[in-house]
């Protein structure tokens, strides 16, 4: 939907493929007509104070098209043209200062722009902005915030469909002069409202309040009027509290540890180095086999007490040696089986 220049009439397109002119304060439908015949959504925008509307939609053959309408006669468009055969919905953006309309499709990477005139065919193609990144949606910067020194006449904010960021796109007229150009920047709508809500509801209409686009000195910022907020460090304590904590620590009673030294020495007796040394001594004493510091044997020997007889230590060591020997044999058999399977796979691959 789109309001006209003074806010007295509202134009809408609906799912029933109808274009309507509505008086927004009373809800009366002043005019109605068949819009684009395609099944997808249509969009409409007022072409300033010319009394014309521009709609974008799809034909019955799913071709994208735009139409120009007279607000006093919606029985048929005054002009219709086909754009292309893409499937993205077209969004129209009109600039009343330069009488240009921009058409951007959802999922497209380009933005087409046209000049609007008072004579048929009313809309004339100028050029297009090309990009390889599709767009999900577009926003527009108000005209009063554009850079007039760079001849920027329109600025989009493109929301990328595949990337998570918003990209500004500026429409710039290529001129070498850095001076202000009156033909590019006529007086534009300002931020001041022409009517309040109560006045509009009572039936008053007014054109937008205009402002000059000529650049001037910006108002200096009054630093003294800004309230400075003081930030204190988190959990910051005064020096007096820190001194109190120190004296509290010094005044605490010291509790001595009366545990015997023999208990502490016995607790730290079996270290990793001692355990490894014990295992190596037993290995040299009972066998000449190299067990390569097996972890299982080391754990079994560590569980044996220091006062165990020599024959029991020999028996435990022999049991672990037999288990290691069996594991080595299984490992050799597994490696042979792997080689046999690899040879069979190689033969199957070489067969035609």
Protein backbone atom coordinates (compact mmCIF):
# COMPACT_ATOMS: atom_id res chain seq x y z
CA UNK A 1 0.00 0.00 0.00
CA UNK A 2 1.04 3.60 -0.55
CA UNK A 3 -0.21 7.05 0.49
CA UNK A 4 -0.37 9.97 -1.89
CA UNK A 5 1.67 13.12 -1.36
CA UNK A 6 -0.72 14.88 1.06
CA UNK A 7 -1.86 11.71 2.88
CA UNK A 8 -5.52 11.92 1.82
CA UNK A 9 -5.74 8.75 -0.32
CA UNK A 10 -4.42 5.24 0.19
CA UNK A 11 -3.72 2.79 -2.66
CA UNK A 12 -3.62 -0.95 -1.97
CA UNK A 13 -3.13 -4.24 -3.82
CA UNK A 14 -4.67 -7.41 -2.38
CA UNK A 15 -4.63 -11.17 -2.85
CA UNK A 16 -7.85 -10.98 -4.85
CA UNK A 17 -5.80 -9.30 -7.66
CA UNK A 18 -7.58 -5.97 -7.15
CA UNK A 19 -6.16 -2.46 -7.04
CA UNK A 20 -8.15 -0.14 -4.77
CA UNK A 21 -8.15 3.56 -3.94
CA UNK A 22 -9.35 4.04 -0.36
CA UNK A 23 -10.16 7.09 1.72
CA UNK A 24 -8.24 6.02 4.87
CA UNK A 25 -10.16 8.07 7.44
CA UNK A 26 -13.61 6.82 6.46
CA UNK A 27 -12.68 3.49 4.86
CA UNK A 28 -14.66 4.25 1.69
CA UNK A 29 -13.37 2.57 -1.49
CA UNK A 30 -13.30 5.35 -4.07
CA UNK A 31 -12.14 3.23 -7.02
CA UNK A 32 -11.40 -0.41 -7.75
CA UNK A 33 -9.99 -2.32 -10.69
CA UNK A 34 -8.37 -5.58 -11.76
CA UNK A 35 -4.62 -5.47 -11.25
CA UNK A 36 -2.00 -7.98 -12.46
CA UNK A 37 -3.41 -11.41 -13.29
CA UNK A 38 -0.55 -13.47 -11.88
CA UNK A 39 -0.92 -15.53 -8.71
CA UNK A 40 2.00 -13.91 -6.85
CA UNK A 41 1.95 -10.70 -4.82
CA UNK A 42 1.65 -7.25 -6.38
CA UNK A 43 3.06 -3.95 -5.09
CA UNK A 44 1.93 -0.35 -5.60
CA UNK A 45 3.48 3.09 -5.12
CA UNK A 46 2.14 6.60 -5.71
CA UNK A 47 4.14 8.60 -8.25
CA UNK A 48 4.22 11.78 -6.18
CA UNK A 49 1.59 14.44 -6.84
CA UNK A 50 1.07 13.46 -10.50
CA UNK A 51 -2.12 11.50 -9.81
CA UNK A 52 -0.51 8.35 -11.25
CA UNK A 53 0.26 5.01 -9.62
CA UNK A 54 2.79 2.35 -10.51
CA UNK A 55 2.19 -1.32 -9.73
CA UNK A 56 4.48 -4.32 -10.09
CA UNK A 57 3.28 -7.90 -10.42
CA UNK A 58 3.04 -10.93 -12.69
CA UNK A 59 1.12 -11.72 -15.84
CA UNK A 60 -0.94 -14.86 -16.31
CA UNK A 61 2.17 -16.40 -17.93
CA UNK A 62 4.28 -15.60 -14.80
CA UNK A 63 6.20 -12.77 -16.50
CA UNK A 64 7.18 -9.87 -14.28
CA UNK A 65 5.65 -6.58 -15.39
CA UNK A 66 4.83 -3.07 -14.23
CA UNK A 67 1.81 -0.90 -15.00
CA UNK A 68 1.00 2.80 -14.73
CA UNK A 69 -2.51 3.77 -13.59
CA UNK A 70 -4.60 6.91 -13.35
CA UNK A 71 -6.06 7.22 -9.87
CA UNK A 72 -9.38 8.45 -11.31
CA UNK A 73 -9.83 5.47 -13.66
CA UNK A 74 -8.76 1.98 -12.59
CA UNK A 75 -10.64 0.12 -15.31
CA UNK A 76 -7.41 -0.37 -17.27
CA UNK A 77 -3.77 0.71 -16.92
CA UNK A 78 -2.56 3.56 -19.08
CA UNK A 79 0.67 1.67 -19.79
CA UNK A 80 2.03 -1.84 -19.14
CA UNK A 81 5.44 -3.30 -19.91
CA UNK A 82 7.08 -6.69 -19.31
CA UNK A 83 10.35 -6.73 -17.36
CA UNK A 84 11.57 -10.36 -17.48
CA UNK A 85 10.57 -13.91 -16.57
CA UNK A 86 12.14 -14.17 -13.10
CA UNK A 87 10.14 -15.35 -10.10
CA UNK A 88 11.11 -12.76 -7.47
CA UNK A 89 8.58 -10.18 -6.30
CA UNK A 90 9.38 -6.63 -7.48
CA UNK A 91 9.51 -3.77 -4.95
CA UNK A 92 9.03 -0.20 -6.30
CA UNK A 93 10.71 2.84 -4.71
CA UNK A 94 9.81 6.35 -5.92
CA UNK A 95 11.89 9.51 -5.47
CA UNK A 96 9.60 12.56 -5.84
CA UNK A 97 12.54 15.00 -5.96
CA UNK A 98 14.12 13.54 -9.11
CA UNK A 99 10.97 11.81 -10.47
CA UNK A 100 12.73 8.46 -10.61
CA UNK A 101 11.35 5.05 -9.71
CA UNK A 102 13.56 2.11 -8.72
CA UNK A 103 12.52 -1.52 -9.18
CA UNK A 104 14.30 -4.22 -7.18
CA UNK A 105 13.33 -7.89 -7.15
CA UNK A 106 13.59 -10.26 -4.22
CA UNK A 107 16.36 -12.73 -4.98
CA UNK A 108 17.78 -10.53 -7.74
CA UNK A 109 21.17 -8.88 -7.72
CA UNK A 110 20.27 -5.86 -9.85
CA UNK A 111 18.24 -2.67 -9.32
CA UNK A 112 16.57 -1.04 -12.33
CA UNK A 113 15.73 2.65 -12.35
CA UNK A 114 13.37 4.63 -14.59
CA UNK A 115 12.45 8.26 -15.17
CA UNK A 116 8.82 9.29 -14.71
CA UNK A 117 7.34 11.90 -17.08
CA UNK A 118 3.89 13.36 -17.70
CA UNK A 119 3.64 12.06 -21.27
CA UNK A 120 3.09 8.51 -22.48
CA UNK A 121 4.57 6.00 -21.90
CA UNK A 122 5.18 7.85 -18.58
CA UNK A 123 8.06 5.57 -17.50
CA UNK A 124 11.40 5.45 -19.37
CA UNK A 125 14.15 2.96 -18.61
CA UNK A 126 17.51 4.58 -17.73
CA UNK A 127 19.95 1.94 -16.49
CA UNK A 128 20.43 -0.72 -13.84
CA UNK A 129 22.75 -1.50 -10.95
CA UNK A 130 24.29 -4.97 -11.35
CA UNK A 131 25.51 -7.24 -8.57
CA UNK A 132 26.21 -10.94 -8.26
CA UNK A 133 24.83 -11.22 -4.71
CA UNK A 134 21.06 -11.75 -4.37
CA UNK A 135 19.05 -9.51 -2.08
CA UNK A 136 16.45 -10.48 0.51
CA UNK A 137 15.12 -6.97 1.02
CA UNK A 138 15.96 -3.28 0.67
CA UNK A 139 15.70 -0.21 2.87
CA UNK A 140 15.97 3.46 1.87
CA UNK A 141 17.80 6.37 3.49
CA UNK A 142 15.81 9.65 3.71
CA UNK A 143 16.89 12.22 1.15
CA UNK A 144 17.98 14.77 3.75
CA UNK A 145 20.72 12.40 4.98
CA UNK A 146 22.44 11.89 1.61
CA UNK A 147 25.87 13.23 0.72
CA UNK A 148 25.17 16.18 -1.58
CA UNK A 149 28.86 16.93 -2.21
CA UNK A 150 29.32 13.51 -3.85
CA UNK A 151 26.13 13.93 -5.96
CA UNK A 152 24.43 11.04 -4.14
CA UNK A 153 20.75 11.08 -5.14
CA UNK A 154 19.54 7.80 -3.57
CA UNK A 155 20.84 5.23 -1.10
CA UNK A 156 19.67 1.68 -0.56
CA UNK A 157 20.48 -0.66 2.30
CA UNK A 158 20.64 -4.12 0.81
CA UNK A 159 20.03 -7.14 3.03
CA UNK A 160 21.96 -10.01 1.49
CA UNK A 161 20.15 -13.31 1.05
CA UNK A 162 23.19 -15.58 1.49
CA UNK A 163 25.39 -13.45 3.76
CA UNK A 164 24.53 -12.08 7.15
CA UNK A 165 25.16 -8.39 6.60
CA UNK A 166 23.55 -5.22 5.22
CA UNK A 167 25.30 -3.37 2.39
CA UNK A 168 24.76 0.33 1.54
CA UNK A 169 24.34 1.03 -2.18
CA UNK A 170 24.61 4.66 -3.31
CA UNK A 171 23.21 6.02 -6.57
CA UNK A 172 25.66 8.76 -7.60
CA UNK A 173 25.47 11.11 -10.59
CA UNK A 174 28.96 11.32 -12.17
CA UNK A 175 29.84 15.01 -12.01
CA UNK A 176 33.29 16.49 -11.57
CA UNK A 177 32.28 19.64 -9.71
CA UNK A 178 32.22 19.53 -5.91
CA UNK A 179 29.72 22.38 -5.64
CA UNK A 180 26.07 22.04 -4.68
CA UNK A 181 23.83 21.17 -7.66
CA UNK A 182 20.39 22.75 -7.49
CA UNK A 183 18.98 20.57 -10.28
CA UNK A 184 19.80 17.37 -8.38
CA UNK A 185 18.71 18.56 -4.95
CA UNK A 186 15.46 20.54 -4.90
CA UNK A 187 13.81 21.17 -1.56
CA UNK A 188 12.98 17.82 0.01
CA UNK A 189 10.78 16.57 2.83
CA UNK A 190 12.08 17.43 6.27
CA UNK A 191 11.74 15.60 9.55
CA UNK A 192 9.11 18.08 10.78
CA UNK A 193 5.53 16.74 10.46
CA UNK A 194 3.05 18.84 8.51
CA UNK A 195 0.10 17.72 10.66
CA UNK A 196 -0.41 16.08 14.00
CA UNK A 197 -2.48 12.90 14.32
CA UNK A 198 -5.57 14.71 15.64
CA UNK A 199 -5.54 17.19 12.74
CA UNK A 200 -5.26 14.40 10.18
CA UNK A 201 -8.12 12.45 11.78
CA UNK A 202 -10.30 15.59 11.67
CA UNK A 203 -9.88 15.64 7.87
CA UNK A 204 -7.07 18.11 7.26
CA UNK A 205 -4.58 17.47 4.44
CA UNK A 206 -1.17 19.05 3.97
CA UNK A 207 1.86 18.62 1.76
CA UNK A 208 5.17 17.70 3.45
CA UNK A 209 7.22 20.45 5.06
CA UNK A 210 10.20 21.01 2.78
CA UNK A 211 13.80 21.82 3.64
CA UNK A 212 16.81 22.93 1.64
CA UNK A 213 19.51 20.40 0.80
CA UNK A 214 22.28 22.99 0.78
CA UNK A 215 24.94 22.04 3.28
CA UNK A 216 25.74 24.45 6.11
CA UNK A 217 27.63 24.50 9.37
CA UNK A 218 26.53 21.89 11.80
CA UNK A 219 25.47 22.98 15.24
CA UNK A 220 28.27 22.53 17.74
CA UNK A 221 27.67 19.92 20.39
CA UNK A 222 27.24 21.39 23.86
CA UNK A 223 29.51 19.20 25.92
CA UNK A 224 28.52 20.85 29.21
CA UNK A 225 24.90 19.77 28.76
CA UNK A 226 25.84 16.09 28.61
CA UNK A 227 25.70 14.37 31.96
CA UNK A 228 28.86 12.44 32.57
CA UNK A 229 28.25 9.07 34.15
CA UNK A 230 30.87 7.85 36.57
CA UNK A 231 31.73 4.17 36.57
CA UNK A 232 33.27 2.56 39.63
CA UNK A 233 35.25 -0.64 39.54
CA UNK A 234 33.36 -3.76 40.42
CA UNK A 235 33.86 -5.07 43.95
CA UNK A 236 36.20 -2.20 44.78
CA UNK A 237 36.78 -1.90 48.54
CA UNK A 238 38.27 1.02 50.45
CA UNK A 239 41.77 0.77 51.87
CA UNK A 240 40.35 0.68 55.42
CA UNK A 241 38.53 -2.60 54.69
CA UNK A 242 41.72 -4.12 53.28
CA UNK A 243 43.63 -3.24 56.46
CA UNK A 244 40.90 -4.82 58.58
CA UNK A 245 41.25 -8.06 56.62
CA UNK A 246 45.00 -8.09 57.14
CA UNK A 247 44.68 -7.66 60.92
CA UNK A 248 41.99 -10.36 61.06
CA UNK A 249 44.34 -12.81 59.32
CA UNK A 250 47.22 -11.99 61.67
CA UNK A 251 45.02 -12.37 64.74
CA UNK A 252 43.90 -15.90 63.77
CA UNK A 253 45.17 -18.69 66.02
CA UNK A 254 47.84 -20.92 64.47
CA UNK A 255 46.98 -24.64 64.76
CA UNK A 256 50.12 -26.85 64.69
CA UNK A 257 50.20 -30.20 62.89
CA UNK A 258 51.19 -32.95 65.36
CA UNK A 259 51.08 -35.90 62.96
CA UNK A 260 54.23 -38.11 63.16
CA UNK A 261 56.84 -37.76 60.46
CA UNK A 262 56.99 -41.52 59.88
CA UNK A 263 53.39 -41.53 58.66
CA UNK A 264 54.07 -38.79 56.13
CA UNK A 265 57.28 -40.48 54.95
CA UNK A 266 55.51 -43.84 54.46
CA UNK A 267 52.78 -42.12 52.48
CA UNK A 268 55.25 -40.65 50.01
CA UNK A 269 57.48 -43.69 49.80
CA UNK A 270 55.98 -45.33 46.70
CA UNK A 271 56.54 -42.86 43.95
CA UNK A 272 56.51 -43.50 40.22
CA UNK A 273 60.29 -43.63 39.98
CA UNK A 274 60.51 -46.18 42.81
CA UNK A 275 57.86 -48.35 41.18
CA UNK A 276 59.69 -48.35 37.86
CA UNK A 277 62.96 -49.22 39.60
CA UNK A 278 61.31 -52.13 41.44
CA UNK A 279 59.92 -53.54 38.20
CA UNK A 280 63.30 -53.35 36.49
CA UNK A 281 65.00 -55.12 39.40
CA UNK A 282 62.49 -57.99 39.33
CA UNK A 283 62.83 -58.29 35.56
CA UNK A 284 66.62 -58.63 35.76
CA UNK A 285 66.37 -61.08 38.66
CA UNK A 286 63.83 -63.58 37.35
CA UNK A 287 64.10 -63.49 33.57
CA UNK A 288 66.09 -62.21 30.68
CA UNK A 289 62.98 -61.44 28.60
CA UNK A 290 62.38 -57.86 27.59
CA UNK A 291 58.85 -56.88 28.53
CA UNK A 292 59.20 -53.24 27.37
CA UNK A 293 57.81 -51.74 30.60
CA UNK A 294 54.39 -53.31 30.19
CA UNK A 295 51.76 -51.37 32.12
CA UNK A 296 49.78 -54.45 33.15
CA UNK A 297 52.83 -56.17 34.65
CA UNK A 298 53.81 -53.01 36.48
CA UNK A 299 50.34 -52.69 37.98
CA UNK A 300 50.35 -56.35 39.10
CA UNK A 301 53.75 -56.09 40.76
CA UNK A 302 52.85 -52.85 42.52
CA UNK A 303 49.90 -54.58 44.17
CA UNK A 304 52.26 -57.13 45.71
CA UNK A 305 53.43 -56.44 49.23
CA UNK A 306 57.08 -55.89 50.12
CA UNK A 307 57.09 -58.87 52.51
CA UNK A 308 55.82 -61.45 49.94
CA UNK A 309 58.08 -64.54 49.48
CA UNK A 310 60.33 -64.77 46.49
CA UNK A 311 58.59 -67.80 44.90
CA UNK A 312 55.23 -66.00 44.87
CA UNK A 313 56.79 -62.98 43.19
CA UNK A 314 58.33 -65.30 40.58
CA UNK A 315 54.93 -66.96 40.01
CA UNK A 316 53.16 -63.62 39.50
CA UNK A 317 55.81 -62.45 37.09
CA UNK A 318 55.67 -65.66 35.04
CA UNK A 319 51.87 -65.38 34.75
CA UNK A 320 52.15 -61.87 33.38
CA UNK A 321 54.92 -62.90 30.99
CA UNK A 322 52.75 -65.73 29.58
CA UNK A 323 49.85 -63.33 29.03
CA UNK A 324 52.09 -60.87 27.20
CA UNK A 325 53.47 -63.69 25.03
CA UNK A 326 49.94 -64.74 24.02
CA UNK A 327 49.02 -61.17 23.12
CA UNK A 328 52.11 -60.83 20.93
CA UNK A 329 51.21 -64.05 19.12
CA UNK A 330 47.65 -62.82 18.50
CA UNK A 331 49.04 -59.57 17.16
CA UNK A 332 51.29 -61.41 14.68
CA UNK A 333 48.38 -63.56 13.50
CA UNK A 334 46.22 -60.45 13.02
CA UNK A 335 48.90 -58.79 10.90
CA UNK A 336 49.17 -61.89 8.70
CA UNK A 337 45.40 -61.98 8.25
CA UNK A 338 45.39 -58.31 7.24
CA UNK A 339 48.04 -58.96 4.61
CA UNK A 340 46.02 -61.87 3.20
CA UNK A 341 42.88 -59.74 2.95
CA UNK A 342 44.78 -56.92 1.25
CA UNK A 343 46.14 -59.40 -1.28
CA UNK A 344 42.64 -60.69 -2.04
CA UNK A 345 41.34 -57.13 -2.53
CA UNK A 346 44.23 -56.37 -4.88
CA UNK A 347 43.41 -59.45 -6.98
CA UNK A 348 39.74 -58.51 -7.18
CA UNK A 349 40.61 -54.99 -8.34
CA UNK A 350 42.93 -56.24 -11.10
CA UNK A 351 40.27 -58.55 -12.59
CA UNK A 352 38.56 -57.12 -15.73
